[in-house]
Amino acid sequence: MRTPEPRTPRWVKTFITAAVILVVAFAILHLTGGGMGSHTP
């Protein structure tokens, strides 16, 4: 008798997706020199 695989709750997937998007957006802004905390005047 097989045990069912544990399913990830929807809110966990939503949270992880949002976190990944924020990290990617922050990395793009940082690499392009725009956005938050730019050191150039």
N, C-alpha and C. Protein backbone atom coordinates (compact mmCIF):
# COMPACT_ATOMS: atom_id res chain seq x y z
N MET A 1 0.84 -1.20 0.00
CA MET A 1 0.00 0.00 0.00
C MET A 1 0.88 1.25 0.00
N ARG A 2 0.68 2.07 -1.01
CA ARG A 2 1.50 3.28 -1.14
C ARG A 2 0.89 4.43 -0.35
N THR A 3 1.76 5.22 0.22
CA THR A 3 1.29 6.43 0.91
C THR A 3 1.25 7.57 -0.10
N PRO A 4 0.23 8.41 -0.04
CA PRO A 4 0.16 9.53 -1.00
C PRO A 4 1.28 10.53 -0.74
N GLU A 5 1.77 11.11 -1.80
CA GLU A 5 2.84 12.10 -1.67
C GLU A 5 2.29 13.36 -1.01
N PRO A 6 3.07 13.96 -0.13
CA PRO A 6 2.61 15.20 0.50
C PRO A 6 2.52 16.32 -0.53
N ARG A 7 1.40 17.01 -0.55
CA ARG A 7 1.22 18.09 -1.52
C ARG A 7 1.59 19.42 -0.89
N THR A 8 2.19 20.27 -1.71
CA THR A 8 2.55 21.60 -1.24
C THR A 8 1.31 22.49 -1.28
N PRO A 9 1.00 23.18 -0.18
CA PRO A 9 -0.16 24.08 -0.19
C PRO A 9 0.00 25.19 -1.22
N ARG A 10 -1.14 25.68 -1.70
CA ARG A 10 -1.11 26.71 -2.75
C ARG A 10 -0.42 27.98 -2.27
N TRP A 11 -0.62 28.36 -1.00
CA TRP A 11 -0.01 29.61 -0.52
C TRP A 11 1.50 29.52 -0.48
N VAL A 12 2.04 28.31 -0.29
CA VAL A 12 3.50 28.15 -0.31
C VAL A 12 4.03 28.40 -1.71
N LYS A 13 3.37 27.81 -2.71
CA LYS A 13 3.80 28.04 -4.09
C LYS A 13 3.68 29.51 -4.46
N THR A 14 2.60 30.16 -4.03
CA THR A 14 2.40 31.58 -4.32
C THR A 14 3.50 32.41 -3.67
N PHE A 15 3.82 32.11 -2.41
CA PHE A 15 4.85 32.85 -1.70
C PHE A 15 6.21 32.67 -2.35
N ILE A 16 6.55 31.44 -2.72
CA ILE A 16 7.85 31.17 -3.36
C ILE A 16 7.93 31.87 -4.71
N THR A 17 6.85 31.82 -5.49
CA THR A 17 6.84 32.50 -6.79
C THR A 17 7.04 34.00 -6.62
N ALA A 18 6.34 34.61 -5.66
CA ALA A 18 6.48 36.04 -5.42
C ALA A 18 7.90 36.38 -4.98
N ALA A 19 8.48 35.54 -4.11
CA ALA A 19 9.83 35.79 -3.63
C ALA A 19 10.84 35.72 -4.77
N VAL A 20 10.69 34.74 -5.66
CA VAL A 20 11.59 34.61 -6.80
C VAL A 20 11.48 35.82 -7.72
N ILE A 21 10.25 36.26 -7.98
CA ILE A 21 10.06 37.43 -8.84
C ILE A 21 10.71 38.66 -8.22
N LEU A 22 10.55 38.86 -6.92
CA LEU A 22 11.16 40.01 -6.27
C LEU A 22 12.68 39.96 -6.33
N VAL A 23 13.26 38.79 -6.12
CA VAL A 23 14.71 38.65 -6.16
C VAL A 23 15.24 38.93 -7.57
N VAL A 24 14.55 38.38 -8.58
CA VAL A 24 14.97 38.61 -9.96
C VAL A 24 14.84 40.09 -10.33
N ALA A 25 13.75 40.72 -9.94
CA ALA A 25 13.55 42.15 -10.23
C ALA A 25 14.63 42.98 -9.54
N PHE A 26 14.95 42.66 -8.29
CA PHE A 26 15.98 43.39 -7.56
C PHE A 26 17.34 43.21 -8.24
N ALA A 27 17.64 41.99 -8.69
CA ALA A 27 18.92 41.72 -9.35
C ALA A 27 19.02 42.50 -10.66
N ILE A 28 17.93 42.54 -11.43
CA ILE A 28 17.94 43.28 -12.69
C ILE A 28 18.14 44.77 -12.44
N LEU A 29 17.41 45.32 -11.47
CA LEU A 29 17.57 46.74 -11.15
C LEU A 29 18.99 47.04 -10.69
N HIS A 30 19.56 46.15 -9.88
CA HIS A 30 20.91 46.37 -9.38
C HIS A 30 21.93 46.29 -10.50
N LEU A 31 21.79 45.32 -11.39
CA LEU A 31 22.76 45.14 -12.48
C LEU A 31 22.66 46.26 -13.51
N THR A 32 21.47 46.81 -13.72
CA THR A 32 21.33 47.89 -14.70
C THR A 32 21.66 49.24 -14.10
N GLY A 33 21.91 49.29 -12.78
CA GLY A 33 22.31 50.54 -12.14
C GLY A 33 21.15 51.45 -11.83
N GLY A 34 19.92 50.99 -11.99
CA GLY A 34 18.78 51.82 -11.70
C GLY A 34 18.13 51.42 -10.40
N GLY A 35 17.12 52.20 -10.01
CA GLY A 35 16.32 51.79 -8.87
C GLY A 35 16.94 52.13 -7.54
N MET A 36 16.73 51.25 -6.57
CA MET A 36 16.99 51.54 -5.17
C MET A 36 18.48 51.73 -4.86
N GLY A 37 18.80 52.80 -4.18
CA GLY A 37 20.14 53.00 -3.65
C GLY A 37 21.23 53.11 -4.69
N SER A 38 20.96 53.78 -5.78
CA SER A 38 21.98 53.97 -6.80
C SER A 38 23.07 54.90 -6.26
N HIS A 39 24.34 54.56 -6.45
CA HIS A 39 25.42 55.36 -5.90
C HIS A 39 25.82 56.49 -6.82
N THR A 40 25.37 56.50 -8.05
CA THR A 40 25.72 57.59 -8.95
C THR A 40 24.78 58.76 -8.73
N PRO A 41 25.31 59.98 -8.73
CA PRO A 41 24.44 61.16 -8.49
C PRO A 41 23.47 61.42 -9.63
